Protein backbone atom coordinates (compact mmCIF):
# COMPACT_ATOMS: atom_id res chain seq x y z
CA MET A 1 -11.47 0.05 -9.66
CA LEU A 2 -8.64 -1.79 -7.91
CA GLN A 3 -9.57 -4.94 -6.07
CA THR A 4 -7.45 -6.72 -3.52
CA ASP A 5 -7.65 -8.82 -0.41
CA PHE A 6 -4.14 -8.12 0.88
CA LEU A 7 -5.10 -4.98 2.80
CA ARG A 8 -5.63 -6.30 6.27
CA PRO A 9 -4.34 -5.08 9.64
CA GLN A 10 -0.99 -6.53 10.58
CA VAL A 11 1.14 -6.38 13.67
CA MET A 12 4.79 -5.45 13.35
CA GLU A 13 7.21 -7.09 15.71
CA PHE A 14 10.41 -5.20 16.40
CA THR A 15 13.39 -7.31 17.33
CA LYS A 16 17.13 -6.94 17.05
CA ALA A 17 18.25 -7.49 13.46
CA ALA A 18 20.07 -10.74 12.83
CA GLY A 19 22.94 -8.86 11.18
CA GLY A 20 23.84 -7.13 14.44
CA SER A 21 23.63 -10.28 16.52
CA GLY A 22 26.18 -12.33 14.62
CA VAL A 23 23.49 -14.82 13.54
CA ALA A 24 23.22 -15.47 9.81
CA SER A 25 19.90 -14.44 8.32
CA GLU A 26 18.23 -16.91 5.96
CA MET A 27 16.13 -14.38 4.02
CA THR A 28 14.85 -15.54 0.64
CA THR A 29 14.40 -12.80 -1.96
CA ILE A 30 12.09 -13.22 -4.95
CA SER A 31 12.59 -10.68 -7.72
CA ILE A 32 9.69 -10.04 -10.11
CA GLU A 33 9.61 -7.69 -13.09
CA LEU A 34 6.37 -6.69 -14.81
CA HIS A 35 7.11 -5.26 -18.26
CA ASP A 36 5.06 -2.98 -20.51
CA ASP A 37 4.84 -5.72 -23.15
CA GLY A 38 2.96 -7.99 -20.71
CA SER A 39 5.92 -10.23 -19.93
CA VAL A 40 6.73 -11.40 -16.41
CA TRP A 41 10.28 -12.05 -15.24
CA LEU A 42 11.05 -14.14 -12.16
CA ASN A 43 14.53 -13.88 -10.65
CA GLY A 44 15.97 -12.62 -13.93
CA THR A 45 14.35 -15.22 -16.20
CA LYS A 46 11.33 -14.72 -18.45
CA SER A 47 8.43 -16.53 -16.81
CA ASN A 48 4.64 -16.66 -16.56
CA PRO A 49 1.98 -16.22 -13.85
CA ASN A 50 1.78 -19.99 -13.23
CA ASN A 51 5.46 -20.02 -12.29
CA LEU A 52 4.82 -17.19 -9.83
CA ARG A 53 2.16 -19.30 -8.12
CA THR A 54 4.43 -22.37 -8.09
CA THR A 55 7.23 -20.30 -6.57
CA ALA A 56 4.97 -18.83 -3.89
CA ALA A 57 3.58 -22.26 -3.01
CA SER A 58 7.09 -23.73 -2.69
CA ILE A 59 8.18 -21.28 0.03
CA SER A 60 8.39 -23.11 3.34
CA THR A 61 9.29 -20.05 5.44
CA PRO A 62 7.07 -17.15 4.34
CA ASP A 63 8.19 -15.01 7.29
CA ASN A 64 11.77 -15.13 5.96
CA THR A 65 10.82 -14.28 2.38
CA ARG A 66 10.72 -10.92 0.68
CA VAL A 67 9.28 -10.13 -2.75
CA ILE A 68 10.53 -7.19 -4.77
CA ILE A 69 8.37 -6.17 -7.73
CA ALA A 70 9.84 -3.84 -10.37
CA VAL A 71 7.15 -2.35 -12.58
CA ASP A 72 7.48 -0.63 -15.96
CA THR A 73 5.78 2.76 -16.20
CA HIS A 74 2.78 1.70 -18.33
CA VAL A 75 1.84 -1.47 -16.43
CA LEU A 76 -1.69 -1.31 -15.02
CA LEU A 77 -1.73 -1.09 -11.24
CA GLN A 78 -4.29 -3.91 -11.04
CA ARG A 79 -1.68 -6.26 -12.54
CA VAL A 80 0.70 -5.40 -9.70
CA VAL A 81 -2.02 -5.83 -7.08
CA ASP A 82 -2.87 -9.26 -8.53
CA VAL A 83 0.77 -10.36 -8.09
CA MET A 84 0.79 -9.03 -4.54
CA ASP A 85 -2.45 -10.89 -3.77
CA LEU A 86 -0.98 -14.11 -5.15
CA PHE A 87 1.92 -13.98 -2.68
CA THR A 88 -0.21 -12.95 0.29
CA GLN A 89 -2.38 -16.04 -0.32
CA TYR A 90 0.72 -18.00 0.75
CA ASP A 91 1.34 -15.72 3.78
CA ILE A 92 4.23 -13.93 2.09
CA THR A 93 3.60 -10.34 3.14
CA ASN A 94 7.04 -8.71 2.93
CA ILE A 95 6.42 -7.21 -0.51
CA SER A 96 7.84 -4.02 -1.99
CA MET A 97 7.24 -2.37 -5.31
CA SER A 98 9.34 0.06 -7.31
CA ALA A 99 8.99 1.74 -10.65
CA ALA A 100 11.50 0.41 -13.15
CA ARG A 101 13.84 3.06 -14.49
CA LYS A 102 14.52 3.41 -18.16
CA PHE A 103 17.88 4.78 -19.18
CA LYS A 104 18.14 6.57 -22.51
């Protein structure tokens, strides 16, 4: 059974995108890869779960931060949910997930 605490009602605010207004956007993007072999990659560098927590805790503007999680095909979904929960504990809720593609 999957367990999470990140599923909570949220309000979406629609405003004009910064790109169309001529104002530079200061969006921080955190890239995470979860591999079949159990390894975790953070922004293109092999890492560990403690570094994910340190990175999440160091974000001073969670509203301007997005997390992109790429997941290998055999990674357990609970592992992904745990990473998502870690970031939502620090009010980082702009999180997306995609299946990693393997090219043969």
